[in-house]
C-alpha atoms as a PDB file:
ATOM      1  CA  UNK A   1      18.619-102.005  24.858  1.00  0.00           C
ATOM      2  CA  UNK A   2      18.470-102.751  28.129  1.00  0.00           C
ATOM      3  CA  UNK A   3      15.154-104.223  30.050  1.00  0.00           C
ATOM      4  CA  UNK A   4      13.029-101.780  32.385  1.00  0.00           C
ATOM      5  CA  UNK A   5      12.510-103.951  35.164  1.00  0.00           C
ATOM      6  CA  UNK A   6       8.296-104.227  37.351  1.00  0.00           C
ATOM      7  CA  UNK A   7       6.294-106.842  39.352  1.00  0.00           C
ATOM      8  CA  UNK A   8       3.637-109.164  37.419  1.00  0.00           C
ATOM      9  CA  UNK A   9       0.578-106.226  38.863  1.00  0.00           C
ATOM     10  CA  UNK A  10       2.526-103.723  36.377  1.00  0.00           C
ATOM     11  CA  UNK A  11       3.503-105.760  33.710  1.00  0.00           C
ATOM     12  CA  UNK A  12      -0.229-107.130  33.951  1.00  0.00           C
ATOM     13  CA  UNK A  13      -1.854-103.788  34.055  1.00  0.00           C
ATOM     14  CA  UNK A  14       0.531-102.513  31.169  1.00  0.00           C
ATOM     15  CA  UNK A  15      -0.754-105.261  29.319  1.00  0.00           C
ATOM     16  CA  UNK A  16      -4.813-104.382  29.859  1.00  0.00           C
ATOM     17  CA  UNK A  17      -4.340-100.798  29.521  1.00  0.00           C
ATOM     18  CA  UNK A  18      -2.723-100.684  26.126  1.00  0.00           C
ATOM     19  CA  UNK A  19      -5.782-104.092  25.325  1.00  0.00           C
ATOM     20  CA  UNK A  20      -8.263-101.129  26.234  1.00  0.00           C
ATOM     21  CA  UNK A  21      -6.817 -98.198  24.968  1.00  0.00           C
ATOM     22  CA  UNK A  22      -6.479-100.267  21.603  1.00  0.00           C
ATOM     23  CA  UNK A  23      -8.425 -99.607  17.955  1.00  0.00           C
ATOM     24  CA  UNK A  24      -7.172-102.720  16.828  1.00  0.00           C
ATOM     25  CA  UNK A  25     -10.819-104.530  15.329  1.00  0.00           C
ATOM     26  CA  UNK A  26     -12.564-102.238  15.667  1.00  0.00           C
ATOM     27  CA  UNK A  27     -12.198-102.191  19.606  1.00  0.00           C
ATOM     28  CA  UNK A  28     -13.961-105.595  19.728  1.00  0.00           C
ATOM     29  CA  UNK A  29     -10.512-106.389  21.977  1.00  0.00           C
ATOM     30  CA  UNK A  30     -10.457-103.622  24.691  1.00  0.00           C
ATOM     31  CA  UNK A  31     -12.898-105.992  26.677  1.00  0.00           C
ATOM     32  CA  UNK A  32     -10.547-109.502  27.140  1.00  0.00           C
ATOM     33  CA  UNK A  33      -9.249-109.775  30.477  1.00  0.00           C
ATOM     34  CA  UNK A  34      -5.816-110.911  31.256  1.00  0.00           C
ATOM     35  CA  UNK A  35      -4.694-113.229  34.255  1.00  0.00           C
ATOM     36  CA  UNK A  36      -0.746-112.252  35.757  1.00  0.00           C
ATOM     37  CA  UNK A  37       2.046-112.679  33.757  1.00  0.00           C
ATOM     38  CA  UNK A  38       4.299-115.494  35.194  1.00  0.00           C
ATOM     39  CA  UNK A  39       8.261-115.693  35.842  1.00  0.00           C
ATOM     40  CA  UNK A  40      10.952-118.010  34.082  1.00  0.00           C
ATOM     41  CA  UNK A  41      14.333-118.435  33.399  1.00  0.00           C
ATOM     42  CA  UNK A  42      15.602-116.214  31.054  1.00  0.00           C
ATOM     43  CA  UNK A  43      15.026-117.576  27.206  1.00  0.00           C
ATOM     44  CA  UNK A  44      17.276-117.058  24.400  1.00  0.00           C
ATOM     45  CA  UNK A  45      15.860-113.483  23.673  1.00  0.00           C
ATOM     46  CA  UNK A  46      17.403-112.579  27.767  1.00  0.00           C
ATOM     47  CA  UNK A  47      13.277-112.140  28.611  1.00  0.00           C
ATOM     48  CA  UNK A  48      12.094-113.969  32.211  1.00  0.00           C
ATOM     49  CA  UNK A  49       8.572-113.694  31.886  1.00  0.00           C
ATOM     50  CA  UNK A  50       5.067-114.339  29.743  1.00  0.00           C
ATOM     51  CA  UNK A  51       1.492-114.028  29.714  1.00  0.00           C
ATOM     52  CA  UNK A  52      -0.532-116.563  31.883  1.00  0.00           C
ATOM     53  CA  UNK A  53      -3.557-116.672  30.669  1.00  0.00           C
ATOM     54  CA  UNK A  54      -5.786-115.679  27.886  1.00  0.00           C
ATOM     55  CA  UNK A  55      -9.178-115.941  27.577  1.00  0.00           C
ATOM     56  CA  UNK A  56     -10.954-113.782  25.153  1.00  0.00           C
ATOM     57  CA  UNK A  57     -11.792-113.814  21.794  1.00  0.00           C
ATOM     58  CA  UNK A  58      -9.480-115.986  18.859  1.00  0.00           C
ATOM     59  CA  UNK A  59     -10.003-112.786  16.785  1.00  0.00           C
ATOM     60  CA  UNK A  60      -8.000-110.747  19.521  1.00  0.00           C
ATOM     61  CA  UNK A  61      -5.052-113.136  20.276  1.00  0.00           C
ATOM     62  CA  UNK A  62      -2.931-111.217  18.033  1.00  0.00           C
ATOM     63  CA  UNK A  63      -3.381-108.321  19.480  1.00  0.00           C
ATOM     64  CA  UNK A  64      -2.761-109.719  22.933  1.00  0.00           C
ATOM     65  CA  UNK A  65       0.786-111.180  21.293  1.00  0.00           C
ATOM     66  CA  UNK A  66       1.866-108.113  19.817  1.00  0.00           C
ATOM     67  CA  UNK A  67       1.168-106.281  23.181  1.00  0.00           C
ATOM     68  CA  UNK A  68       2.852-108.892  25.137  1.00  0.00           C
ATOM     69  CA  UNK A  69       6.008-109.156  22.514  1.00  0.00           C
ATOM     70  CA  UNK A  70       6.617-105.626  22.402  1.00  0.00           C
ATOM     71  CA  UNK A  71       6.672-105.491  26.222  1.00  0.00           C
ATOM     72  CA  UNK A  72       8.993-108.316  26.741  1.00  0.00           C
ATOM     73  CA  UNK A  73      11.239-106.681  24.341  1.00  0.00           C
ATOM     74  CA  UNK A  74      11.162-103.088  26.929  1.00  0.00           C
ATOM     75  CA  UNK A  75      10.669-104.929  30.269  1.00  0.00           C
ATOM     76  CA  UNK A  76      11.693-108.529  32.808  1.00  0.00           C
ATOM     77  CA  UNK A  77      10.055-108.743  35.512  1.00  0.00           C
ATOM     78  CA  UNK A  78      10.863-107.811  38.879  1.00  0.00           C
ATOM     79  CA  UNK A  79      12.176-110.429  41.514  1.00  0.00           C
ATOM     80  CA  UNK A  80       9.913-108.635  44.650  1.00  0.00           C
END
């Protein structure tokens, strides 16, 4: 499966939108805010980005990680 390309702002917005719409943990994670994603060389999965910073309740980390993992399988960071 080839990945689509997205900017840092687009990826950050996609992550944030999915968190805000989420019902996991009875919606307790909806207010979690994430910082921008960052570029790195292609890893063994073929992805070139990751989440830059997470600051939220520990219980929500798994929810955010699942969202990021899903998006990392589908998108690569565009070099702009």
